[in-house]
Amino acid sequence: MTSEPVPDVPVLVVGAGPTGLTLALVLAGHGIASVVVDEDATTATEGSRSICVQSHSLAILGRLGAGAVRDEGLQWSIGRAYHRDREIVHDHIPTDGVGAEPRFVNLGQSRVESILAELVAANPRCTIAWNHRVDGIEADDTGVTVSASPATGSARRWRAQYVVGADGLRSTVRAAVGIPFQAPPEQPDVDDAYLVVDVRADLPFPAERRFFFDPAWNPGRQVLLHPQPGGVWRIDWQVPAGFDLDTERSSGGVDARIRAVIGDATPYETVWSTLYTVRQRLAERFRAGRVFLAGDAAHVMSVFGARGMNSGIQDADNLGWKLAYALRGDAGAGLLDSYEAERRAAALVNLEVTGATMRFLAPPTGGARLRRRIVLAGAPYAAFLRRKVDSGRLSEPAIYRDSTAVQPGCGALAPDLPVRPAGQSSGARDPSGPTTLRALRGGPFVVVAIGPTVEEAAELGAAVDLELAARAAPAERPLPPYRIVAGAAADASGDTETAGAALGNLLVVRPDGHLAWKVNGEPAPDEVADTLAEALLRASGS
């Protein structure tokens, strides 16, 4: 077959799951076109897969126009854990999260993908090539050539400046660039598998998470029950190695398992079922020249704690703005390197947490089994033992502590402060009136001037902005786009430990909402401008 002419695209994304689709939308928001290539004919159309979307991920998706994920998702606030037939943990989980977002909602991955795919299809900067299996990747110093075989017709090729592999556990991109994909250190694979069934049923208890250790109807193993929208419940059973799903379906074994959970008299409908084996994996590198890995192509972790899809969405948000800045010439050479430094460190934290959960669920040694028995038996009587019951710690946003693009002590998400315009800023129009720091994510860098009052902060910000505008570029390259806004110290007082929002400070906040730098704003505006310029350059990779 002959190949079509090679078109030039800024970014080619392999994989149309949540990570790849989010990345395309982040790039589009920064004015960068992309092509998404996927070997399937459409997104996943059934099954819960990942279901818990964390607050920061909801904020990212909402910024990209996917607020339907929050609106359709089911919120829950009670988590219970049982040992055999006795309740041992009753957690009331706060529902508030980032800004207006709940801490998390439950919505099946297939629906999340559908919402994102509709937005990508409607965006003129995004193109999706369905039914195309990537079978060749050739990278050099100036770009990457990707070839793909469609289900019908001639082979296609694209020439991209950057390629991102978001193509999952069996990543073609990762294999093509020869990046090893291995179990994290000291985290052996668990032999047991998990049976997952989505059941639609009107159950006689509230929409809450329930986790069962060693119930009589799954002796020696665990069962997890999670509510979903539309009266659907996800049930996960830990099952022994060699469990055959087809045999269990035909013999009535799956029905018996469901009946043990919901009762003999409750009508139900099986919506979806599957079998999976827990395998934790981490790519040795997240970058090979102009090729990057994200989502499950870079890291695969246990489902307990909802860290898989959330981590992929946050990979995409981190990488998207950095690729855009690099393509526009607004980044230094180190900015793209900071993606691996930040997101691989985040993956290591997630894998450590999920690895601890898996060791509690399936203790690998006799000593570990004894410790677990002591914890479960004593949890009803001792708070310190209840805290050791591990059925999955829910996902939290990463803190980028060791990145070269972040000042030591920074790296957390910036607090969602109320802010106002403060002067004419570079690269973007200031907001026309009061807004919040969270609402400004996804654009240029935001510099927040903090003063005793918002009016004094605005004066400080405007003076510093004029100093920067009046001088030539203070370094070999111009400053990245930024805007200066003002906030009062009283608004930041509750977040001083995280954000360092002391009186007179300037906070440099990245497009992804993470705090990159703190600048002392107490000296004269010209001195502050010099320090701020250096901070902006360092935060953008110089």
Protein backbone atom coordinates (compact mmCIF):
# COMPACT_ATOMS: atom_id res chain seq x y z
CA MET A 1 0.00 0.00 0.00
CA THR A 2 1.18 3.52 -0.68
CA SER A 3 1.32 6.11 2.06
CA GLU A 4 -0.36 9.47 1.98
CA PRO A 5 1.83 12.60 2.05
CA VAL A 6 3.31 13.38 5.44
CA PRO A 7 1.47 16.30 7.11
CA ASP A 8 3.10 18.44 9.77
CA VAL A 9 1.38 18.49 13.17
CA PRO A 10 2.67 20.09 16.38
CA VAL A 11 1.71 17.19 18.67
CA LEU A 12 0.54 13.67 17.88
CA VAL A 13 -1.10 11.78 20.73
CA VAL A 14 -1.38 8.00 20.57
CA GLY A 15 -4.36 6.80 22.61
CA ALA A 16 -7.87 8.25 22.96
CA GLY A 17 -8.46 7.40 26.60
CA PRO A 18 -8.94 10.00 29.35
CA THR A 19 -5.26 10.95 29.30
CA GLY A 20 -4.89 11.44 25.55
CA LEU A 21 -8.21 13.27 25.15
CA THR A 22 -7.47 15.57 28.08
CA LEU A 23 -4.06 16.36 26.61
CA ALA A 24 -5.57 17.31 23.24
CA LEU A 25 -7.98 19.70 24.96
CA VAL A 26 -5.26 21.25 27.13
CA LEU A 27 -3.14 21.87 24.03
CA ALA A 28 -6.10 23.37 22.19
CA GLY A 29 -6.72 25.73 25.10
CA HIS A 30 -3.19 27.05 24.57
CA GLY A 31 -3.72 27.41 20.82
CA ILE A 32 -1.85 24.25 19.79
CA ALA A 33 -3.27 21.77 17.27
CA SER A 34 -2.97 18.03 17.76
CA VAL A 35 -3.89 14.70 16.18
CA VAL A 36 -5.11 11.85 18.39
CA VAL A 37 -4.64 8.35 16.93
CA ASP A 38 -6.38 5.29 18.36
CA GLU A 39 -6.66 1.72 17.12
CA ASP A 40 -10.28 1.37 18.27
CA ALA A 41 -13.33 2.65 16.44
CA THR A 42 -14.51 4.81 19.34
CA THR A 43 -14.04 5.31 23.07
CA ALA A 44 -15.00 2.62 25.57
CA THR A 45 -18.78 2.27 25.48
CA GLU A 46 -19.46 0.19 28.57
CA GLY A 47 -18.19 -0.66 32.00
CA SER A 48 -17.12 1.37 35.00
CA ARG A 49 -13.36 0.72 34.69
CA SER A 50 -12.01 3.65 36.72
CA ILE A 51 -14.88 5.41 38.47
CA CYS A 52 -13.68 7.88 41.09
CA VAL A 53 -12.76 11.35 39.76
CA GLN A 54 -10.86 13.44 42.29
CA SER A 55 -11.42 17.16 42.96
CA HIS A 56 -8.34 18.45 41.15
CA SER A 57 -9.14 16.30 38.12
CA LEU A 58 -12.71 17.67 38.16
CA ALA A 59 -11.29 21.20 38.17
CA ILE A 60 -9.07 20.38 35.18
CA LEU A 61 -11.95 18.81 33.26
CA GLY A 62 -14.29 21.68 34.15
CA ARG A 63 -11.77 24.19 32.79
CA LEU A 64 -11.70 22.22 29.53
CA GLY A 65 -15.49 22.30 29.18
CA ALA A 66 -16.14 18.85 30.66
CA GLY A 67 -18.17 20.03 33.64
CA ALA A 68 -20.65 17.26 32.77
CA VAL A 69 -18.32 14.85 34.59
CA ARG A 70 -19.00 16.69 37.83
CA ASP A 71 -22.69 17.21 37.06
CA GLU A 72 -23.38 13.58 36.19
CA GLY A 73 -21.12 12.06 38.82
CA LEU A 74 -22.44 10.66 42.08
CA GLN A 75 -21.13 12.12 45.33
CA TRP A 76 -20.81 10.02 48.47
CA SER A 77 -19.52 10.87 51.90
CA ILE A 78 -19.65 7.66 53.96
CA GLY A 79 -17.11 4.86 53.78
CA ARG A 80 -17.54 1.73 55.87
CA ALA A 81 -15.21 -1.20 56.36
CA TYR A 82 -16.23 -4.59 57.78
CA HIS A 83 -14.25 -7.49 59.14
CA ARG A 84 -16.33 -10.58 58.49
CA ASP A 85 -19.77 -9.49 59.72
CA ARG A 86 -18.67 -6.64 62.01
CA GLU A 87 -18.26 -2.95 61.09
CA ILE A 88 -14.78 -1.79 62.08
CA VAL A 89 -14.44 1.60 60.32
CA HIS A 90 -17.01 4.32 59.67
CA ASP A 91 -15.50 7.32 57.89
CA HIS A 92 -17.32 10.53 57.10
CA ILE A 93 -15.42 11.93 54.14
CA PRO A 94 -15.57 15.72 53.52
CA THR A 95 -17.38 16.56 50.30
CA ASP A 96 -15.66 19.89 49.64
CA GLY A 97 -12.64 19.92 47.35
CA VAL A 98 -10.96 22.42 45.02
CA GLY A 99 -13.00 25.62 44.81
CA ALA A 100 -16.52 24.75 43.71
CA GLU A 101 -15.65 21.12 43.03
CA PRO A 102 -16.61 18.25 45.33
CA ARG A 103 -13.76 16.20 46.72
CA PHE A 104 -14.61 13.44 44.25
CA VAL A 105 -17.50 11.96 42.28
CA ASN A 106 -18.13 8.46 40.95
CA LEU A 107 -18.63 8.26 37.20
CA GLY A 108 -17.55 5.37 34.99
CA GLN A 109 -14.49 5.87 32.80
CA SER A 110 -16.47 5.00 29.67
CA ARG A 111 -18.76 8.00 30.27
CA VAL A 112 -15.80 10.27 31.07
CA GLU A 113 -14.18 9.26 27.78
CA SER A 114 -17.41 9.88 25.88
CA ILE A 115 -17.73 13.41 27.28
CA LEU A 116 -14.11 14.21 26.42
CA ALA A 117 -14.35 12.68 22.93
CA GLU A 118 -17.35 14.87 22.10
CA LEU A 119 -15.39 17.97 23.10
CA VAL A 120 -12.35 16.90 21.09
CA ALA A 121 -14.50 16.19 18.02
CA ALA A 122 -16.03 19.67 18.27
CA ASN A 123 -12.71 21.50 18.71
CA PRO A 124 -11.19 22.82 15.45
CA ARG A 125 -7.66 22.41 16.82
CA CYS A 126 -8.18 18.69 17.50
CA THR A 127 -8.36 15.78 15.06
CA ILE A 128 -9.06 12.14 15.94
CA ALA A 129 -8.00 9.30 13.65
CA TRP A 130 -10.02 6.30 14.83
CA ASN A 131 -9.26 2.75 13.69
CA HIS A 132 -5.57 3.48 13.15
CA ARG A 133 -3.00 1.15 14.69
CA VAL A 134 0.42 2.77 15.07
CA ASP A 135 3.10 0.49 13.66
CA GLY A 136 6.11 2.75 13.25
CA ILE A 137 7.77 5.61 15.15
CA GLU A 138 10.98 7.22 13.92
CA ALA A 139 12.36 10.13 15.93
CA ASP A 140 15.24 12.48 15.13
CA ASP A 141 16.43 15.88 16.34
CA THR A 142 13.78 17.83 14.44
CA GLY A 143 10.65 15.71 14.82
CA VAL A 144 8.96 12.34 14.89
CA THR A 145 7.47 10.39 11.98
CA VAL A 146 4.55 8.16 12.94
CA SER A 147 3.05 5.57 10.60
CA ALA A 148 -0.27 3.87 11.20
CA SER A 149 -2.36 1.19 9.51
CA PRO A 150 -6.09 1.94 9.27
CA ALA A 151 -8.79 -0.70 9.40
CA THR A 152 -9.42 0.00 5.70
CA GLY A 153 -7.56 2.02 3.10
CA SER A 154 -3.98 3.13 2.72
CA ALA A 155 -1.39 3.47 5.45
CA ARG A 156 -0.92 6.95 6.85
CA ARG A 157 2.03 8.91 8.15
CA TRP A 158 2.34 12.05 10.20
CA ARG A 159 5.35 14.21 10.93
CA ALA A 160 5.00 15.70 14.42
CA GLN A 161 7.21 17.96 16.48
CA TYR A 162 6.33 15.93 19.58
CA VAL A 163 4.63 12.57 20.18
CA VAL A 164 2.91 11.52 23.39
CA GLY A 165 2.20 7.87 24.12
CA ALA A 166 -1.04 7.69 26.09
CA ASP A 167 -1.78 4.21 24.79
CA GLY A 168 -1.99 2.25 28.00
CA LEU A 169 -0.42 -0.76 29.63
CA ARG A 170 0.75 -2.35 26.36
CA SER A 171 1.98 0.94 24.90
CA THR A 172 3.23 0.75 21.32
CA VAL A 173 4.98 4.09 21.79
CA ARG A 174 6.86 2.95 24.89
CA ALA A 175 8.00 -0.22 23.13
CA ALA A 176 9.07 1.71 20.03
CA VAL A 177 11.43 3.97 21.98
CA GLY A 178 12.71 1.11 24.14
CA ILE A 179 11.76 2.37 27.59
CA PRO A 180 11.66 -0.45 30.19
CA PHE A 181 8.38 -0.93 32.07
CA GLN A 182 8.85 -2.80 35.32
CA ALA A 183 7.40 -3.42 38.76
CA PRO A 184 8.45 -0.80 41.31
CA PRO A 185 11.21 -1.88 43.70
CA GLU A 186 10.11 -4.19 46.53
CA GLN A 187 6.57 -4.47 45.16
CA PRO A 188 6.08 -8.07 44.00
CA ASP A 189 3.06 -8.92 41.88
CA VAL A 190 -0.03 -10.25 43.63
CA ASP A 191 -1.23 -13.59 42.27
CA ASP A 192 -4.91 -13.07 43.04
CA ALA A 193 -7.22 -11.54 40.47
CA TYR A 194 -10.30 -9.31 40.83
CA LEU A 195 -13.74 -9.95 39.41
CA VAL A 196 -15.65 -6.74 38.65
CA VAL A 197 -19.38 -6.61 37.96
CA ASP A 198 -21.50 -3.50 37.41
CA VAL A 199 -24.97 -4.29 38.74
CA ARG A 200 -28.09 -2.14 38.39
CA ALA A 201 -30.22 -2.72 41.48
CA ASP A 202 -32.25 -0.87 44.09
CA LEU A 203 -30.26 -1.81 47.17
CA PRO A 204 -31.62 -1.41 50.71
CA PHE A 205 -28.79 0.84 51.93
CA PRO A 206 -27.51 4.34 51.10
CA ALA A 207 -25.09 5.29 48.34
CA GLU A 208 -21.90 4.72 50.27
CA ARG A 209 -18.63 2.86 49.81
CA ARG A 210 -18.47 -0.49 51.61
CA PHE A 211 -15.38 -2.66 51.96
CA PHE A 212 -15.52 -6.20 53.38
CA PHE A 213 -12.47 -8.03 54.75
CA ASP A 214 -12.86 -11.80 54.83
CA PRO A 215 -16.67 -11.98 54.58
CA ALA A 216 -18.32 -15.38 54.90
CA TRP A 217 -19.36 -15.15 51.25
CA ASN A 218 -15.76 -14.56 50.04
CA PRO A 219 -13.68 -16.24 52.75
CA GLY A 220 -10.05 -15.22 53.06
CA ARG A 221 -10.42 -12.43 50.53
CA GLN A 222 -12.02 -9.01 50.06
CA VAL A 223 -15.07 -7.41 48.43
CA LEU A 224 -15.56 -3.73 47.56
CA LEU A 225 -18.91 -2.09 46.81
CA HIS A 226 -19.04 1.35 45.14
CA PRO A 227 -22.16 3.37 44.09
CA GLN A 228 -22.50 4.86 40.61
CA PRO A 229 -25.12 7.07 38.95
CA GLY A 230 -28.35 5.53 37.70
CA GLY A 231 -28.69 2.93 40.43
CA VAL A 232 -25.60 1.03 39.27
CA TRP A 233 -23.21 -0.50 41.79
CA ARG A 234 -19.70 -1.68 41.10
CA ILE A 235 -18.71 -4.83 43.01
CA ASP A 236 -15.08 -6.02 43.14
CA TRP A 237 -14.33 -9.50 44.46
CA GLN A 238 -10.79 -10.65 45.14
CA VAL A 239 -10.69 -14.11 43.57
CA PRO A 240 -7.99 -16.81 43.44
CA ALA A 241 -5.51 -17.15 40.60
CA GLY A 242 -6.94 -19.29 37.81
CA PHE A 243 -10.51 -18.01 38.30
CA ASP A 244 -12.39 -18.56 35.01
CA LEU A 245 -15.08 -15.94 34.39
CA ASP A 246 -16.85 -17.79 31.58
CA THR A 247 -17.15 -20.93 33.69
CA GLU A 248 -18.43 -18.95 36.67
CA ARG A 249 -21.04 -17.23 34.52
CA SER A 250 -22.34 -20.45 33.02
CA SER A 251 -22.36 -22.34 36.32
CA GLY A 252 -24.22 -19.63 38.21
CA GLY A 253 -21.21 -18.78 40.35
CA VAL A 254 -21.29 -15.08 39.45
CA ASP A 255 -25.02 -14.88 40.24
CA ALA A 256 -24.36 -16.53 43.62
CA ARG A 257 -21.69 -13.96 44.40
CA ILE A 258 -24.02 -11.09 43.50
CA ARG A 259 -26.85 -12.58 45.57
CA ALA A 260 -24.58 -12.85 48.59
CA VAL A 261 -24.06 -9.07 48.42
CA ILE A 262 -27.52 -7.75 47.45
CA GLY A 263 -29.82 -10.44 48.86
CA ASP A 264 -31.89 -13.23 47.32
CA ALA A 265 -35.04 -11.18 46.66
CA THR A 266 -33.53 -8.05 45.05
CA PRO A 267 -33.99 -7.84 41.25
CA TYR A 268 -30.82 -6.87 39.42
CA GLU A 269 -29.36 -6.43 35.96
CA THR A 270 -25.75 -7.16 35.08
CA VAL A 271 -24.48 -4.16 33.13
CA TRP A 272 -20.86 -5.23 32.64
CA SER A 273 -18.32 -7.66 34.02
CA THR A 274 -14.63 -8.33 33.65
CA LEU A 275 -11.64 -9.94 35.32
CA TYR A 276 -8.35 -8.17 35.96
CA THR A 277 -5.08 -8.90 37.70
CA VAL A 278 -3.33 -6.21 39.74
CA ARG A 279 0.00 -5.33 38.20
CA GLN A 280 1.90 -2.24 39.35
CA ARG A 281 4.33 -0.93 36.73
CA LEU A 282 6.48 2.15 36.18
CA ALA A 283 8.35 3.33 33.10
CA GLU A 284 12.06 3.86 33.64
CA ARG A 285 11.76 7.23 31.89
CA PHE A 286 8.80 9.39 30.85
CA ARG A 287 10.70 11.03 27.99
CA ALA A 288 12.89 9.92 25.11
CA GLY A 289 13.84 13.04 23.16
CA ARG A 290 10.69 14.30 21.46
CA VAL A 291 8.60 11.35 22.65
CA PHE A 292 6.76 11.42 26.00
CA LEU A 293 4.73 8.89 27.98
CA ALA A 294 1.62 9.68 30.02
CA GLY A 295 -1.13 7.84 31.86
CA ASP A 296 -1.05 4.05 31.89
CA ALA A 297 1.71 4.04 29.27
CA ALA A 298 3.95 5.57 31.96
CA HIS A 299 2.56 4.00 35.13
CA VAL A 300 0.00 1.37 36.08
CA MET A 301 -1.22 1.10 39.65
CA SER A 302 -3.79 -0.73 41.71
CA VAL A 303 -7.35 0.55 41.43
CA PHE A 304 -7.64 0.92 45.21
CA GLY A 305 -7.42 4.64 45.99
CA ALA A 306 -8.57 5.91 42.57
CA ARG A 307 -5.09 6.94 41.44
CA GLY A 308 -5.02 5.63 37.87
CA MET A 309 -7.32 7.82 35.76
CA ASN A 310 -6.76 10.82 38.04
CA SER A 311 -3.00 10.53 37.66
CA GLY A 312 -3.35 10.32 33.87
CA ILE A 313 -5.55 13.43 33.71
CA GLN A 314 -3.01 15.30 35.83
CA ASP A 315 -0.14 14.03 33.64
CA ALA A 316 -1.93 15.56 30.67
CA ASP A 317 -2.48 18.89 32.39
CA ASN A 318 1.19 19.06 33.43
CA LEU A 319 2.57 18.11 30.02
CA GLY A 320 0.07 20.07 27.91
CA TRP A 321 1.03 23.57 28.95
CA LYS A 322 4.73 22.73 28.82
CA LEU A 323 4.50 21.43 25.25
CA ALA A 324 2.51 24.52 24.27
CA TYR A 325 5.07 26.88 25.80
CA ALA A 326 7.91 25.00 24.11
CA LEU A 327 6.17 25.13 20.72
CA ARG A 328 5.46 28.85 21.06
CA GLY A 329 9.00 29.68 22.16
CA ASP A 330 7.93 30.70 25.66
CA ALA A 331 9.91 27.98 27.46
CA GLY A 332 13.52 27.38 28.34
CA ALA A 333 15.30 24.14 27.59
CA GLY A 334 14.56 22.70 31.02
CA LEU A 335 10.78 23.02 31.03
CA LEU A 336 10.05 19.81 29.12
CA ASP A 337 12.54 17.94 31.33
CA SER A 338 10.52 19.02 34.35
CA TYR A 339 7.57 16.91 33.17
CA GLU A 340 9.38 13.67 33.97
CA ALA A 341 10.87 15.07 37.17
CA GLU A 342 7.43 16.06 38.45
CA ARG A 343 5.08 13.39 37.16
CA ARG A 344 7.39 10.40 37.65
CA ALA A 345 7.88 11.51 41.26
CA ALA A 346 4.09 11.74 41.58
CA ALA A 347 3.75 8.23 40.14
CA LEU A 348 6.27 6.89 42.66
CA VAL A 349 4.22 8.35 45.51
CA ASN A 350 1.03 6.83 44.10
CA LEU A 351 2.68 3.44 43.64
CA GLU A 352 4.03 3.51 47.17
CA VAL A 353 0.55 4.21 48.54
CA THR A 354 -1.20 1.62 46.38
CA GLY A 355 1.58 -0.89 47.05
CA ALA A 356 0.98 -0.55 50.79
CA THR A 357 -2.74 -1.12 50.21
CA MET A 358 -2.07 -4.25 48.17
CA ARG A 359 0.26 -5.61 50.84
CA PHE A 360 -2.52 -5.11 53.40
CA LEU A 361 -5.14 -6.74 51.17
CA ALA A 362 -2.88 -9.64 50.21
CA PRO A 363 -0.12 -9.94 52.84
CA PRO A 364 2.99 -11.45 51.19
CA THR A 365 4.55 -12.99 54.34
CA GLY A 366 3.49 -14.73 57.50
CA GLY A 367 4.50 -11.71 59.58
CA ALA A 368 2.41 -9.41 57.41
CA ARG A 369 -0.57 -11.74 57.73
CA LEU A 370 -0.22 -11.75 61.51
CA ARG A 371 -0.05 -7.94 61.64
CA ARG A 372 -3.18 -7.68 59.53
CA ARG A 373 -5.07 -10.10 61.76
CA ILE A 374 -4.12 -8.02 64.79
CA VAL A 375 -5.22 -4.78 63.09
CA LEU A 376 -8.59 -6.16 61.94
CA ALA A 377 -9.34 -7.85 65.25
CA GLY A 378 -8.42 -4.79 67.29
CA ALA A 379 -9.88 -2.05 65.09
CA PRO A 380 -13.30 -2.01 66.83
CA TYR A 381 -11.58 -1.25 70.13
CA ALA A 382 -8.62 1.03 69.34
CA ALA A 383 -8.50 4.18 67.20
CA PHE A 384 -4.81 3.74 66.39
CA LEU A 385 -5.58 0.29 64.91
CA ARG A 386 -8.56 1.64 62.95
CA ARG A 387 -6.18 4.11 61.31
CA LYS A 388 -4.08 1.17 60.11
CA VAL A 389 -6.99 -0.48 58.26
CA ASP A 390 -6.04 0.09 54.61
CA SER A 391 -8.74 -0.37 51.99
CA GLY A 392 -7.29 2.33 49.72
CA ARG A 393 -6.21 5.92 50.41
CA LEU A 394 -8.00 8.23 48.02
CA SER A 395 -6.01 10.20 45.44
CA GLU A 396 -4.64 13.66 46.25
CA PRO A 397 -2.93 16.23 43.97
CA ALA A 398 0.84 15.91 43.76
CA ILE A 399 3.27 18.36 45.35
CA TYR A 400 6.29 18.95 43.09
CA ARG A 401 8.97 19.23 45.75
CA ASP A 402 12.10 18.35 43.74
CA SER A 403 11.47 20.00 40.37
CA THR A 404 14.05 22.39 38.94
CA ALA A 405 11.15 24.55 37.69
CA VAL A 406 9.80 25.01 41.23
CA GLN A 407 11.32 26.93 44.13
CA PRO A 408 12.12 24.74 47.15
CA GLY A 409 9.16 24.79 49.50
CA CYS A 410 6.67 25.39 46.69
CA GLY A 411 5.06 22.94 44.25
CA ALA A 412 1.62 22.46 45.85
CA LEU A 413 -1.61 23.66 44.29
CA ALA A 414 -2.00 27.36 45.01
CA PRO A 415 -4.93 28.33 47.24
CA ASP A 416 -8.07 29.49 45.48
CA LEU A 417 -7.85 33.17 46.44
CA PRO A 418 -10.23 35.93 45.38
CA VAL A 419 -8.18 38.28 43.15
CA ARG A 420 -8.57 41.51 41.17
CA PRO A 421 -6.70 43.07 38.22
CA ALA A 422 -3.45 44.90 38.95
CA GLY A 423 -2.06 46.72 35.91
CA GLN A 424 -1.41 45.79 32.30
CA SER A 425 0.22 42.36 32.10
CA SER A 426 2.20 40.70 29.34
CA GLY A 427 0.69 38.20 26.97
CA ALA A 428 -2.94 38.35 28.12
CA ARG A 429 -5.71 40.72 29.02
CA ASP A 430 -6.32 41.03 32.74
CA PRO A 431 -9.67 39.90 34.06
CA SER A 432 -12.15 42.75 33.84
CA GLY A 433 -13.19 42.45 37.46
CA PRO A 434 -12.93 40.36 40.61
CA THR A 435 -12.40 36.66 40.02
CA THR A 436 -10.60 33.76 41.68
CA LEU A 437 -7.12 32.39 41.19
CA ARG A 438 -8.55 29.03 40.19
CA ALA A 439 -10.56 30.64 37.38
CA LEU A 440 -7.32 31.90 35.81
CA ARG A 441 -5.75 28.46 35.38
CA GLY A 442 -4.99 27.30 31.88
CA GLY A 443 -3.68 30.64 30.58
CA PRO A 444 -0.43 32.52 31.20
CA PHE A 445 1.48 32.50 34.47
CA VAL A 446 -0.38 34.37 37.19
CA VAL A 447 1.51 36.58 39.62
CA VAL A 448 -0.52 37.32 42.73
CA ALA A 449 0.51 40.44 44.67
CA ILE A 450 -0.47 40.08 48.33
CA GLY A 451 -0.97 43.23 50.43
CA PRO A 452 -2.69 44.35 53.61
CA THR A 453 -5.69 45.22 51.46
CA VAL A 454 -6.49 44.33 47.88
CA GLU A 455 -6.06 47.99 46.91
CA GLU A 456 -2.51 48.12 48.30
CA ALA A 457 -1.73 44.79 46.66
CA ALA A 458 -2.96 46.19 43.33
CA GLU A 459 -0.65 49.20 43.73
CA LEU A 460 2.31 46.92 44.41
CA GLY A 461 1.47 44.70 41.44
CA ALA A 462 0.98 47.61 39.07
CA ALA A 463 4.29 49.21 40.09
CA VAL A 464 6.19 45.96 39.55
CA ASP A 465 4.43 45.38 36.23
CA LEU A 466 5.41 48.85 34.99
CA GLU A 467 9.02 48.21 35.95
CA LEU A 468 9.06 45.00 33.93
CA ALA A 469 7.35 46.62 30.94
CA ALA A 470 9.77 49.56 30.90
CA ARG A 471 12.94 47.55 30.53
CA ALA A 472 14.38 45.25 27.90
CA ALA A 473 14.21 41.51 28.41
CA PRO A 474 16.37 40.81 31.48
CA ALA A 475 17.78 37.58 30.07
CA GLU A 476 18.62 35.86 26.81
CA ARG A 477 14.97 35.21 26.10
CA PRO A 478 11.80 37.20 26.81
CA LEU A 479 9.70 36.49 29.85
CA PRO A 480 6.92 33.96 29.42
CA PRO A 481 3.38 35.35 29.22
CA TYR A 482 2.13 36.45 32.63
CA ARG A 483 -0.58 38.53 34.26
CA ILE A 484 -0.48 40.26 37.62
CA VAL A 485 -3.48 40.22 39.93
CA ALA A 486 -3.99 41.41 43.49
CA GLY A 487 -5.19 39.65 46.62
CA ALA A 488 -5.47 40.69 50.25
CA ALA A 489 -3.39 39.09 53.00
CA ALA A 490 -6.58 38.30 54.91
CA ASP A 491 -7.76 36.13 52.00
CA ALA A 492 -4.51 34.13 52.03
CA SER A 493 -4.06 33.84 55.78
CA GLY A 494 -5.51 30.34 55.97
CA ASP A 495 -2.98 29.04 53.44
CA THR A 496 0.25 30.60 54.64
CA GLU A 497 1.94 27.26 55.31
CA THR A 498 1.22 25.91 51.84
CA ALA A 499 1.52 29.05 49.75
CA GLY A 500 3.76 31.29 51.81
CA ALA A 501 1.26 34.07 51.20
CA ALA A 502 2.81 36.44 53.73
CA LEU A 503 2.20 40.16 53.65
CA GLY A 504 3.89 41.76 50.65
CA ASN A 505 4.71 38.54 48.78
CA LEU A 506 4.28 37.87 45.09
CA LEU A 507 3.13 34.32 44.30
CA VAL A 508 4.04 32.93 40.86
CA VAL A 509 1.38 30.41 39.86
CA ARG A 510 1.83 28.15 36.83
CA PRO A 511 -0.82 27.52 34.16
CA ASP A 512 -1.64 24.19 35.85
CA GLY A 513 -2.38 25.96 39.15
CA HIS A 514 0.73 24.84 41.07
CA LEU A 515 2.68 27.40 43.04
CA ALA A 516 6.07 27.79 41.37
CA TRP A 517 7.78 30.64 43.21
CA LYS A 518 7.47 33.15 46.03
CA VAL A 519 8.99 36.60 45.71
CA ASN A 520 9.38 38.97 48.64
CA GLY A 521 7.54 42.13 47.61
CA GLU A 522 8.69 44.41 50.44
CA PRO A 523 11.76 46.07 48.77
CA ALA A 524 11.47 48.75 46.06
CA PRO A 525 9.47 47.81 42.93
CA ASP A 526 12.59 47.80 40.71
CA GLU A 527 14.29 45.23 42.96
CA VAL A 528 11.12 43.15 43.11
CA ALA A 529 10.84 43.29 39.32
CA ASP A 530 14.35 41.86 38.91
CA THR A 531 13.57 38.99 41.30
CA LEU A 532 10.19 38.34 39.71
CA ALA A 533 11.70 38.22 36.23
CA GLU A 534 14.21 35.63 37.42
CA ALA A 535 11.42 33.62 39.04
CA LEU A 536 9.32 33.63 35.86
CA LEU A 537 12.30 32.50 33.80
CA ARG A 538 13.18 29.71 36.23
CA ALA A 539 9.55 28.56 36.41
CA SER A 540 9.43 28.36 32.61
CA GLY A 541 12.56 26.27 32.31
CA SER A 542 15.49 28.68 31.98
